[in-house]
Amino acid sequence: AIYMKPGTAVTFTKSGGDVTFTLDDTVDLGDGQVSNQWD
């Protein structure tokens, strides 16, 4: 049987996560945002 085993999650968020991704009021209607790069 081949199961899928979860690993350690990586969180993209403004602060307190693993990768900075500002998903708050900077993302206005009709705008986008890109995250910092995750290695």
ModelCIF file with pLDDT and N, C-alpha, C, O atoms, coordinates in Angstrom:
data_MODEL
#
_entry.id   MODEL 
#
_entity.id                         1 
_entity.type                       polymer 
_entity.pdbx_number_of_molecules   1 
#
_entity_poly.entity_id                      1 
_entity_poly.type                           'polypeptide(L)' 
_entity_poly.nstd_linkage                   no 
_entity_poly.nstd_monomer                   no 
_entity_poly.pdbx_seq_one_letter_code       AIYMKPGTAVTFTKSGGDVTFTLDDTVDLGDGQVSNQWD 
_entity_poly.pdbx_seq_one_letter_code_can   AIYMKPGTAVTFTKSGGDVTFTLDDTVDLGDGQVSNQWD 
_entity_poly.pdbx_strand_id                 A 
#
loop_
_entity_poly_seq.entity_id 
_entity_poly_seq.num 
_entity_poly_seq.mon_id 
_entity_poly_seq.hetero 
1 1  ALA n 
1 2  ILE n 
1 3  TYR n 
1 4  MET n 
1 5  LYS n 
1 6  PRO n 
1 7  GLY n 
1 8  THR n 
1 9  ALA n 
1 10 VAL n 
1 11 THR n 
1 12 PHE n 
1 13 THR n 
1 14 LYS n 
1 15 SER n 
1 16 GLY n 
1 17 GLY n 
1 18 ASP n 
1 19 VAL n 
1 20 THR n 
1 21 PHE n 
1 22 THR n 
1 23 LEU n 
1 24 ASP n 
1 25 ASP n 
1 26 THR n 
1 27 VAL n 
1 28 ASP n 
1 29 LEU n 
1 30 GLY n 
1 31 ASP n 
1 32 GLY n 
1 33 GLN n 
1 34 VAL n 
1 35 SER n 
1 36 ASN n 
1 37 GLN n 
1 38 TRP n 
1 39 ASP n 
#
_struct_asym.id          A 
_struct_asym.entity_id   1 
#
loop_
_ma_qa_metric.id 
_ma_qa_metric.mode 
_ma_qa_metric.name 
_ma_qa_metric.software_group_id 
_ma_qa_metric.type 
1 global pLDDT . pLDDT 
2 local  pLDDT . pLDDT 
#
_ma_qa_metric_global.metric_id      1 
_ma_qa_metric_global.metric_value   91.69 
_ma_qa_metric_global.model_id       1 
_ma_qa_metric_global.ordinal_id     1 
#
loop_
_ma_qa_metric_local.label_asym_id 
_ma_qa_metric_local.label_comp_id 
_ma_qa_metric_local.label_seq_id 
_ma_qa_metric_local.metric_id 
_ma_qa_metric_local.metric_value 
_ma_qa_metric_local.model_id 
_ma_qa_metric_local.ordinal_id 
A ALA 1  2 87.00 1 1  
A ILE 2  2 86.00 1 2  
A TYR 3  2 89.00 1 3  
A MET 4  2 89.00 1 4  
A LYS 5  2 92.00 1 5  
A PRO 6  2 95.00 1 6  
A GLY 7  2 95.00 1 7  
A THR 8  2 96.00 1 8  
A ALA 9  2 98.00 1 9  
A VAL 10 2 98.00 1 10 
A THR 11 2 98.00 1 11 
A PHE 12 2 98.00 1 12 
A THR 13 2 96.00 1 13 
A LYS 14 2 95.00 1 14 
A SER 15 2 94.00 1 15 
A GLY 16 2 94.00 1 16 
A GLY 17 2 96.00 1 17 
A ASP 18 2 98.00 1 18 
A VAL 19 2 97.00 1 19 
A THR 20 2 96.00 1 20 
A PHE 21 2 96.00 1 21 
A THR 22 2 94.00 1 22 
A LEU 23 2 92.00 1 23 
A ASP 24 2 87.00 1 24 
A ASP 25 2 76.00 1 25 
A THR 26 2 71.00 1 26 
A VAL 27 2 76.00 1 27 
A ASP 28 2 79.00 1 28 
A LEU 29 2 79.00 1 29 
A GLY 30 2 83.00 1 30 
A ASP 31 2 91.00 1 31 
A GLY 32 2 94.00 1 32 
A GLN 33 2 95.00 1 33 
A VAL 34 2 96.00 1 34 
A SER 35 2 96.00 1 35 
A ASN 36 2 95.00 1 36 
A GLN 37 2 96.00 1 37 
A TRP 38 2 97.00 1 38 
A ASP 39 2 96.00 1 39 
#
loop_
_atom_site.group_PDB 
_atom_site.id 
_atom_site.type_symbol 
_atom_site.label_atom_id 
_atom_site.label_alt_id 
_atom_site.label_comp_id 
_atom_site.label_asym_id 
_atom_site.label_entity_id 
_atom_site.label_seq_id 
_atom_site.pdbx_PDB_ins_code 
_atom_site.Cartn_x 
_atom_site.Cartn_y 
_atom_site.Cartn_z 
_atom_site.occupancy 
_atom_site.B_iso_or_equiv 
_atom_site.pdbx_formal_charge 
_atom_site.auth_seq_id 
_atom_site.auth_comp_id 
_atom_site.auth_asym_id 
_atom_site.auth_atom_id 
_atom_site.pdbx_PDB_model_num 
ATOM 1   N N  . ALA A 1 1  ? 0.866  -1.181 0.000   1.00 87.00 ? 1  ALA A N  1 
ATOM 2   C CA . ALA A 1 1  ? 0.000  0.000  0.000   1.00 87.00 ? 1  ALA A CA 1 
ATOM 3   C C  . ALA A 1 1  ? 0.902  1.230  0.000   1.00 87.00 ? 1  ALA A C  1 
ATOM 4   O O  . ALA A 1 1  ? 1.924  1.255  0.686   1.00 87.00 ? 1  ALA A O  1 
ATOM 5   N N  . ILE A 1 2  ? 0.527  2.243  -0.763  1.00 86.00 ? 2  ILE A N  1 
ATOM 6   C CA . ILE A 1 2  ? 1.288  3.484  -0.778  1.00 86.00 ? 2  ILE A CA 1 
ATOM 7   C C  . ILE A 1 2  ? 0.393  4.591  -0.239  1.00 86.00 ? 2  ILE A C  1 
ATOM 8   O O  . ILE A 1 2  ? -0.610 4.955  -0.852  1.00 86.00 ? 2  ILE A O  1 
ATOM 9   N N  . TYR A 1 3  ? 0.775  5.115  0.911   1.00 89.00 ? 3  TYR A N  1 
ATOM 10  C CA . TYR A 1 3  ? 0.051  6.203  1.545   1.00 89.00 ? 3  TYR A CA 1 
ATOM 11  C C  . TYR A 1 3  ? 0.809  7.501  1.326   1.00 89.00 ? 3  TYR A C  1 
ATOM 12  O O  . TYR A 1 3  ? 1.962  7.490  0.895   1.00 89.00 ? 3  TYR A O  1 
ATOM 13  N N  . MET A 1 4  ? 0.154  8.623  1.624   1.00 89.00 ? 4  MET A N  1 
ATOM 14  C CA . MET A 1 4  ? 0.818  9.919  1.552   1.00 89.00 ? 4  MET A CA 1 
ATOM 15  C C  . MET A 1 4  ? 1.012  10.425 2.972   1.00 89.00 ? 4  MET A C  1 
ATOM 16  O O  . MET A 1 4  ? 0.059  10.533 3.743   1.00 89.00 ? 4  MET A O  1 
ATOM 17  N N  . LYS A 1 5  ? 2.256  10.734 3.304   1.00 92.00 ? 5  LYS A N  1 
ATOM 18  C CA . LYS A 1 5  ? 2.623  11.159 4.653   1.00 92.00 ? 5  LYS A CA 1 
ATOM 19  C C  . LYS A 1 5  ? 2.929  12.661 4.641   1.00 92.00 ? 5  LYS A C  1 
ATOM 20  O O  . LYS A 1 5  ? 3.836  13.090 3.928   1.00 92.00 ? 5  LYS A O  1 
ATOM 21  N N  . PRO A 1 6  ? 2.186  13.474 5.422   1.00 95.00 ? 6  PRO A N  1 
ATOM 22  C CA . PRO A 1 6  ? 2.440  14.915 5.419   1.00 95.00 ? 6  PRO A CA 1 
ATOM 23  C C  . PRO A 1 6  ? 3.761  15.271 6.108   1.00 95.00 ? 6  PRO A C  1 
ATOM 24  O O  . PRO A 1 6  ? 4.170  14.639 7.082   1.00 95.00 ? 6  PRO A O  1 
ATOM 25  N N  . GLY A 1 7  ? 4.411  16.302 5.568   1.00 95.00 ? 7  GLY A N  1 
ATOM 26  C CA . GLY A 1 7  ? 5.640  16.829 6.158   1.00 95.00 ? 7  GLY A CA 1 
ATOM 27  C C  . GLY A 1 7  ? 5.351  18.141 6.875   1.00 95.00 ? 7  GLY A C  1 
ATOM 28  O O  . GLY A 1 7  ? 4.202  18.444 7.196   1.00 95.00 ? 7  GLY A O  1 
ATOM 29  N N  . THR A 1 8  ? 6.387  18.905 7.119   1.00 96.00 ? 8  THR A N  1 
ATOM 30  C CA . THR A 1 8  ? 6.263  20.176 7.824   1.00 96.00 ? 8  THR A CA 1 
ATOM 31  C C  . THR A 1 8  ? 5.735  21.253 6.883   1.00 96.00 ? 8  THR A C  1 
ATOM 32  O O  . THR A 1 8  ? 6.308  21.494 5.820   1.00 96.00 ? 8  THR A O  1 
ATOM 33  N N  . ALA A 1 9  ? 4.652  21.892 7.274   1.00 98.00 ? 9  ALA A N  1 
ATOM 34  C CA . ALA A 1 9  ? 4.014  22.922 6.460   1.00 98.00 ? 9  ALA A CA 1 
ATOM 35  C C  . ALA A 1 9  ? 4.843  24.203 6.439   1.00 98.00 ? 9  ALA A C  1 
ATOM 36  O O  . ALA A 1 9  ? 5.571  24.504 7.385   1.00 98.00 ? 9  ALA A O  1 
ATOM 37  N N  . VAL A 1 10 ? 4.720  24.950 5.341   1.00 98.00 ? 10 VAL A N  1 
ATOM 38  C CA . VAL A 1 10 ? 5.370  26.250 5.176   1.00 98.00 ? 10 VAL A CA 1 
ATOM 39  C C  . VAL A 1 10 ? 4.262  27.285 4.994   1.00 98.00 ? 10 VAL A C  1 
ATOM 40  O O  . VAL A 1 10 ? 3.428  27.156 4.098   1.00 98.00 ? 10 VAL A O  1 
ATOM 41  N N  . THR A 1 11 ? 4.255  28.312 5.848   1.00 98.00 ? 11 THR A N  1 
ATOM 42  C CA . THR A 1 11 ? 3.203  29.318 5.821   1.00 98.00 ? 11 THR A CA 1 
ATOM 43  C C  . THR A 1 11 ? 3.698  30.610 5.192   1.00 98.00 ? 11 THR A C  1 
ATOM 44  O O  . THR A 1 11 ? 4.731  31.151 5.586   1.00 98.00 ? 11 THR A O  1 
ATOM 45  N N  . PHE A 1 12 ? 2.951  31.095 4.210   1.00 98.00 ? 12 PHE A N  1 
ATOM 46  C CA . PHE A 1 12 ? 3.210  32.363 3.534   1.00 98.00 ? 12 PHE A CA 1 
ATOM 47  C C  . PHE A 1 12 ? 2.227  33.383 4.099   1.00 98.00 ? 12 PHE A C  1 
ATOM 48  O O  . PHE A 1 12 ? 1.028  33.307 3.828   1.00 98.00 ? 12 PHE A O  1 
ATOM 49  N N  . THR A 1 13 ? 2.730  34.340 4.885   1.00 96.00 ? 13 THR A N  1 
ATOM 50  C CA . THR A 1 13 ? 1.880  35.349 5.502   1.00 96.00 ? 13 THR A CA 1 
ATOM 51  C C  . THR A 1 13 ? 2.710  36.577 5.825   1.00 96.00 ? 13 THR A C  1 
ATOM 52  O O  . THR A 1 13 ? 3.930  36.564 5.658   1.00 96.00 ? 13 THR A O  1 
ATOM 53  N N  . LYS A 1 14 ? 2.058  37.642 6.289   1.00 95.00 ? 14 LYS A N  1 
ATOM 54  C CA . LYS A 1 14 ? 2.766  38.908 6.504   1.00 95.00 ? 14 LYS A CA 1 
ATOM 55  C C  . LYS A 1 14 ? 3.824  38.810 7.597   1.00 95.00 ? 14 LYS A C  1 
ATOM 56  O O  . LYS A 1 14 ? 4.939  39.301 7.422   1.00 95.00 ? 14 LYS A O  1 
ATOM 57  N N  . SER A 1 15 ? 3.491  38.189 8.712   1.00 94.00 ? 15 SER A N  1 
ATOM 58  C CA . SER A 1 15 ? 4.456  38.060 9.806   1.00 94.00 ? 15 SER A CA 1 
ATOM 59  C C  . SER A 1 15 ? 4.153  36.809 10.611  1.00 94.00 ? 15 SER A C  1 
ATOM 60  O O  . SER A 1 15 ? 3.012  36.349 10.656  1.00 94.00 ? 15 SER A O  1 
ATOM 61  N N  . GLY A 1 16 ? 5.177  36.265 11.243  1.00 94.00 ? 16 GLY A N  1 
ATOM 62  C CA . GLY A 1 16 ? 4.995  35.095 12.079  1.00 94.00 ? 16 GLY A CA 1 
ATOM 63  C C  . GLY A 1 16 ? 4.937  33.784 11.326  1.00 94.00 ? 16 GLY A C  1 
ATOM 64  O O  . GLY A 1 16 ? 4.759  32.731 11.939  1.00 94.00 ? 16 GLY A O  1 
ATOM 65  N N  . GLY A 1 17 ? 5.082  33.821 10.007  1.00 96.00 ? 17 GLY A N  1 
ATOM 66  C CA . GLY A 1 17 ? 5.081  32.594 9.217   1.00 96.00 ? 17 GLY A CA 1 
ATOM 67  C C  . GLY A 1 17 ? 6.499  32.248 8.802   1.00 96.00 ? 17 GLY A C  1 
ATOM 68  O O  . GLY A 1 17 ? 7.466  32.670 9.437   1.00 96.00 ? 17 GLY A O  1 
ATOM 69  N N  . ASP A 1 18 ? 6.612  31.483 7.741   1.00 98.00 ? 18 ASP A N  1 
ATOM 70  C CA . ASP A 1 18 ? 7.920  31.059 7.238   1.00 98.00 ? 18 ASP A CA 1 
ATOM 71  C C  . ASP A 1 18 ? 8.418  31.935 6.093   1.00 98.00 ? 18 ASP A C  1 
ATOM 72  O O  . ASP A 1 18 ? 9.621  32.155 5.953   1.00 98.00 ? 18 ASP A O  1 
ATOM 73  N N  . VAL A 1 19 ? 7.493  32.435 5.274   1.00 97.00 ? 19 VAL A N  1 
ATOM 74  C CA . VAL A 1 19 ? 7.839  33.261 4.117   1.00 97.00 ? 19 VAL A CA 1 
ATOM 75  C C  . VAL A 1 19 ? 6.938  34.497 4.129   1.00 97.00 ? 19 VAL A C  1 
ATOM 76  O O  . VAL A 1 19 ? 5.721  34.379 4.275   1.00 97.00 ? 19 VAL A O  1 
ATOM 77  N N  . THR A 1 20 ? 7.535  35.680 3.976   1.00 96.00 ? 20 THR A N  1 
ATOM 78  C CA . THR A 1 20 ? 6.760  36.914 4.007   1.00 96.00 ? 20 THR A CA 1 
ATOM 79  C C  . THR A 1 20 ? 5.911  37.059 2.754   1.00 96.00 ? 20 THR A C  1 
ATOM 80  O O  . THR A 1 20 ? 6.400  36.965 1.628   1.00 96.00 ? 20 THR A O  1 
ATOM 81  N N  . PHE A 1 21 ? 4.625  37.290 2.983   1.00 96.00 ? 21 PHE A N  1 
ATOM 82  C CA . PHE A 1 21 ? 3.656  37.468 1.908   1.00 96.00 ? 21 PHE A CA 1 
ATOM 83  C C  . PHE A 1 21 ? 2.582  38.408 2.441   1.00 96.00 ? 21 PHE A C  1 
ATOM 84  O O  . PHE A 1 21 ? 1.734  37.986 3.227   1.00 96.00 ? 21 PHE A O  1 
ATOM 85  N N  . THR A 1 22 ? 2.601  39.662 2.034   1.00 94.00 ? 22 THR A N  1 
ATOM 86  C CA . THR A 1 22 ? 1.726  40.687 2.579   1.00 94.00 ? 22 THR A CA 1 
ATOM 87  C C  . THR A 1 22 ? 0.362  40.632 1.912   1.00 94.00 ? 22 THR A C  1 
ATOM 88  O O  . THR A 1 22 ? 0.131  41.270 0.885   1.00 94.00 ? 22 THR A O  1 
ATOM 89  N N  . LEU A 1 23 ? -0.528 39.867 2.503   1.00 92.00 ? 23 LEU A N  1 
ATOM 90  C CA . LEU A 1 23 ? -1.880 39.690 1.960   1.00 92.00 ? 23 LEU A CA 1 
ATOM 91  C C  . LEU A 1 23 ? -2.888 40.468 2.791   1.00 92.00 ? 23 LEU A C  1 
ATOM 92  O O  . LEU A 1 23 ? -3.851 39.898 3.303   1.00 92.00 ? 23 LEU A O  1 
ATOM 93  N N  . ASP A 1 24 ? -2.666 41.761 2.923   1.00 87.00 ? 24 ASP A N  1 
ATOM 94  C CA . ASP A 1 24 ? -3.637 42.563 3.664   1.00 87.00 ? 24 ASP A CA 1 
ATOM 95  C C  . ASP A 1 24 ? -4.078 43.722 2.782   1.00 87.00 ? 24 ASP A C  1 
ATOM 96  O O  . ASP A 1 24 ? -4.251 43.536 1.577   1.00 87.00 ? 24 ASP A O  1 
ATOM 97  N N  . ASP A 1 25 ? -4.262 44.892 3.334   1.00 76.00 ? 25 ASP A N  1 
ATOM 98  C CA . ASP A 1 25 ? -4.843 45.995 2.573   1.00 76.00 ? 25 ASP A CA 1 
ATOM 99  C C  . ASP A 1 25 ? -3.994 46.471 1.399   1.00 76.00 ? 25 ASP A C  1 
ATOM 100 O O  . ASP A 1 25 ? -4.425 47.361 0.666   1.00 76.00 ? 25 ASP A O  1 
ATOM 101 N N  . THR A 1 26 ? -2.805 45.912 1.194   1.00 71.00 ? 26 THR A N  1 
ATOM 102 C CA . THR A 1 26 ? -2.024 46.270 0.008   1.00 71.00 ? 26 THR A CA 1 
ATOM 103 C C  . THR A 1 26 ? -2.599 45.604 -1.242  1.00 71.00 ? 26 THR A C  1 
ATOM 104 O O  . THR A 1 26 ? -2.304 46.031 -2.359  1.00 71.00 ? 26 THR A O  1 
ATOM 105 N N  . VAL A 1 27 ? -3.409 44.570 -1.068  1.00 76.00 ? 27 VAL A N  1 
ATOM 106 C CA . VAL A 1 27 ? -3.990 43.867 -2.213  1.00 76.00 ? 27 VAL A CA 1 
ATOM 107 C C  . VAL A 1 27 ? -5.394 44.423 -2.458  1.00 76.00 ? 27 VAL A C  1 
ATOM 108 O O  . VAL A 1 27 ? -6.396 43.867 -2.007  1.00 76.00 ? 27 VAL A O  1 
ATOM 109 N N  . ASP A 1 28 ? -5.429 45.543 -3.190  1.00 79.00 ? 28 ASP A N  1 
ATOM 110 C CA . ASP A 1 28 ? -6.692 46.194 -3.506  1.00 79.00 ? 28 ASP A CA 1 
ATOM 111 C C  . ASP A 1 28 ? -7.391 45.454 -4.626  1.00 79.00 ? 28 ASP A C  1 
ATOM 112 O O  . ASP A 1 28 ? -6.801 44.599 -5.287  1.00 79.00 ? 28 ASP A O  1 
ATOM 113 N N  . LEU A 1 29 ? -8.665 45.791 -4.835  1.00 79.00 ? 29 LEU A N  1 
ATOM 114 C CA . LEU A 1 29 ? -9.378 45.171 -5.946  1.00 79.00 ? 29 LEU A CA 1 
ATOM 115 C C  . LEU A 1 29 ? -8.628 45.497 -7.230  1.00 79.00 ? 29 LEU A C  1 
ATOM 116 O O  . LEU A 1 29 ? -8.204 46.632 -7.446  1.00 79.00 ? 29 LEU A O  1 
ATOM 117 N N  . GLY A 1 30 ? -8.474 44.489 -8.074  1.00 83.00 ? 30 GLY A N  1 
ATOM 118 C CA . GLY A 1 30 ? -7.754 44.678 -9.326  1.00 83.00 ? 30 GLY A CA 1 
ATOM 119 C C  . GLY A 1 30 ? -6.254 44.812 -9.165  1.00 83.00 ? 30 GLY A C  1 
ATOM 120 O O  . GLY A 1 30 ? -5.587 45.347 -10.051 1.00 83.00 ? 30 GLY A O  1 
ATOM 121 N N  . ASP A 1 31 ? -5.703 44.336 -8.049  1.00 91.00 ? 31 ASP A N  1 
ATOM 122 C CA . ASP A 1 31 ? -4.259 44.345 -7.806  1.00 91.00 ? 31 ASP A CA 1 
ATOM 123 C C  . ASP A 1 31 ? -3.815 42.960 -7.369  1.00 91.00 ? 31 ASP A C  1 
ATOM 124 O O  . ASP A 1 31 ? -4.629 42.100 -7.036  1.00 91.00 ? 31 ASP A O  1 
ATOM 125 N N  . GLY A 1 32 ? -2.492 42.765 -7.379  1.00 94.00 ? 32 GLY A N  1 
ATOM 126 C CA . GLY A 1 32 ? -1.927 41.506 -6.937  1.00 94.00 ? 32 GLY A CA 1 
ATOM 127 C C  . GLY A 1 32 ? -0.765 41.717 -5.995  1.00 94.00 ? 32 GLY A C  1 
ATOM 128 O O  . GLY A 1 32 ? -0.374 42.848 -5.705  1.00 94.00 ? 32 GLY A O  1 
ATOM 129 N N  . GLN A 1 33 ? -0.224 40.622 -5.526  1.00 95.00 ? 33 GLN A N  1 
ATOM 130 C CA . GLN A 1 33 ? 0.919  40.633 -4.616  1.00 95.00 ? 33 GLN A CA 1 
ATOM 131 C C  . GLN A 1 33 ? 1.730  39.376 -4.872  1.00 95.00 ? 33 GLN A C  1 
ATOM 132 O O  . GLN A 1 33 ? 1.170  38.313 -5.141  1.00 95.00 ? 33 GLN A O  1 
ATOM 133 N N  . VAL A 1 34 ? 3.048  39.496 -4.790  1.00 96.00 ? 34 VAL A N  1 
ATOM 134 C CA . VAL A 1 34 ? 3.935  38.348 -4.898  1.00 96.00 ? 34 VAL A CA 1 
ATOM 135 C C  . VAL A 1 34 ? 4.637  38.173 -3.559  1.00 96.00 ? 34 VAL A C  1 
ATOM 136 O O  . VAL A 1 34 ? 4.883  39.149 -2.850  1.00 96.00 ? 34 VAL A O  1 
ATOM 137 N N  . SER A 1 35 ? 4.959  36.936 -3.214  1.00 96.00 ? 35 SER A N  1 
ATOM 138 C CA . SER A 1 35 ? 5.622  36.633 -1.944  1.00 96.00 ? 35 SER A CA 1 
ATOM 139 C C  . SER A 1 35 ? 7.132  36.793 -2.058  1.00 96.00 ? 35 SER A C  1 
ATOM 140 O O  . SER A 1 35 ? 7.679  36.903 -3.155  1.00 96.00 ? 35 SER A O  1 
ATOM 141 N N  . ASN A 1 36 ? 7.791  36.803 -0.910  1.00 95.00 ? 36 ASN A N  1 
ATOM 142 C CA . ASN A 1 36 ? 9.237  36.614 -0.913  1.00 95.00 ? 36 ASN A CA 1 
ATOM 143 C C  . ASN A 1 36 ? 9.518  35.226 -1.474  1.00 95.00 ? 36 ASN A C  1 
ATOM 144 O O  . ASN A 1 36 ? 8.626  34.381 -1.556  1.00 95.00 ? 36 ASN A O  1 
ATOM 145 N N  . GLN A 1 37 ? 10.757 35.009 -1.853  1.00 96.00 ? 37 GLN A N  1 
ATOM 146 C CA . GLN A 1 37 ? 11.135 33.728 -2.441  1.00 96.00 ? 37 GLN A CA 1 
ATOM 147 C C  . GLN A 1 37 ? 11.421 32.700 -1.339  1.00 96.00 ? 37 GLN A C  1 
ATOM 148 O O  . GLN A 1 37 ? 12.094 33.004 -0.354  1.00 96.00 ? 37 GLN A O  1 
ATOM 149 N N  . TRP A 1 38 ? 10.907 31.497 -1.515  1.00 97.00 ? 38 TRP A N  1 
ATOM 150 C CA . TRP A 1 38 ? 11.139 30.391 -0.589  1.00 97.00 ? 38 TRP A CA 1 
ATOM 151 C C  . TRP A 1 38 ? 12.174 29.472 -1.206  1.00 97.00 ? 38 TRP A C  1 
ATOM 152 O O  . TRP A 1 38 ? 12.003 28.995 -2.328  1.00 97.00 ? 38 TRP A O  1 
ATOM 153 N N  . ASP A 1 39 ? 13.247 29.226 -0.473  1.00 96.00 ? 39 ASP A N  1 
ATOM 154 C CA . ASP A 1 39 ? 14.281 28.278 -0.894  1.00 96.00 ? 39 ASP A CA 1 
ATOM 155 C C  . ASP A 1 39 ? 13.958 26.941 -0.252  1.00 96.00 ? 39 ASP A C  1 
ATOM 156 O O  . ASP A 1 39 ? 14.684 25.967 -0.452  1.00 96.00 ? 39 ASP A O  1 
#
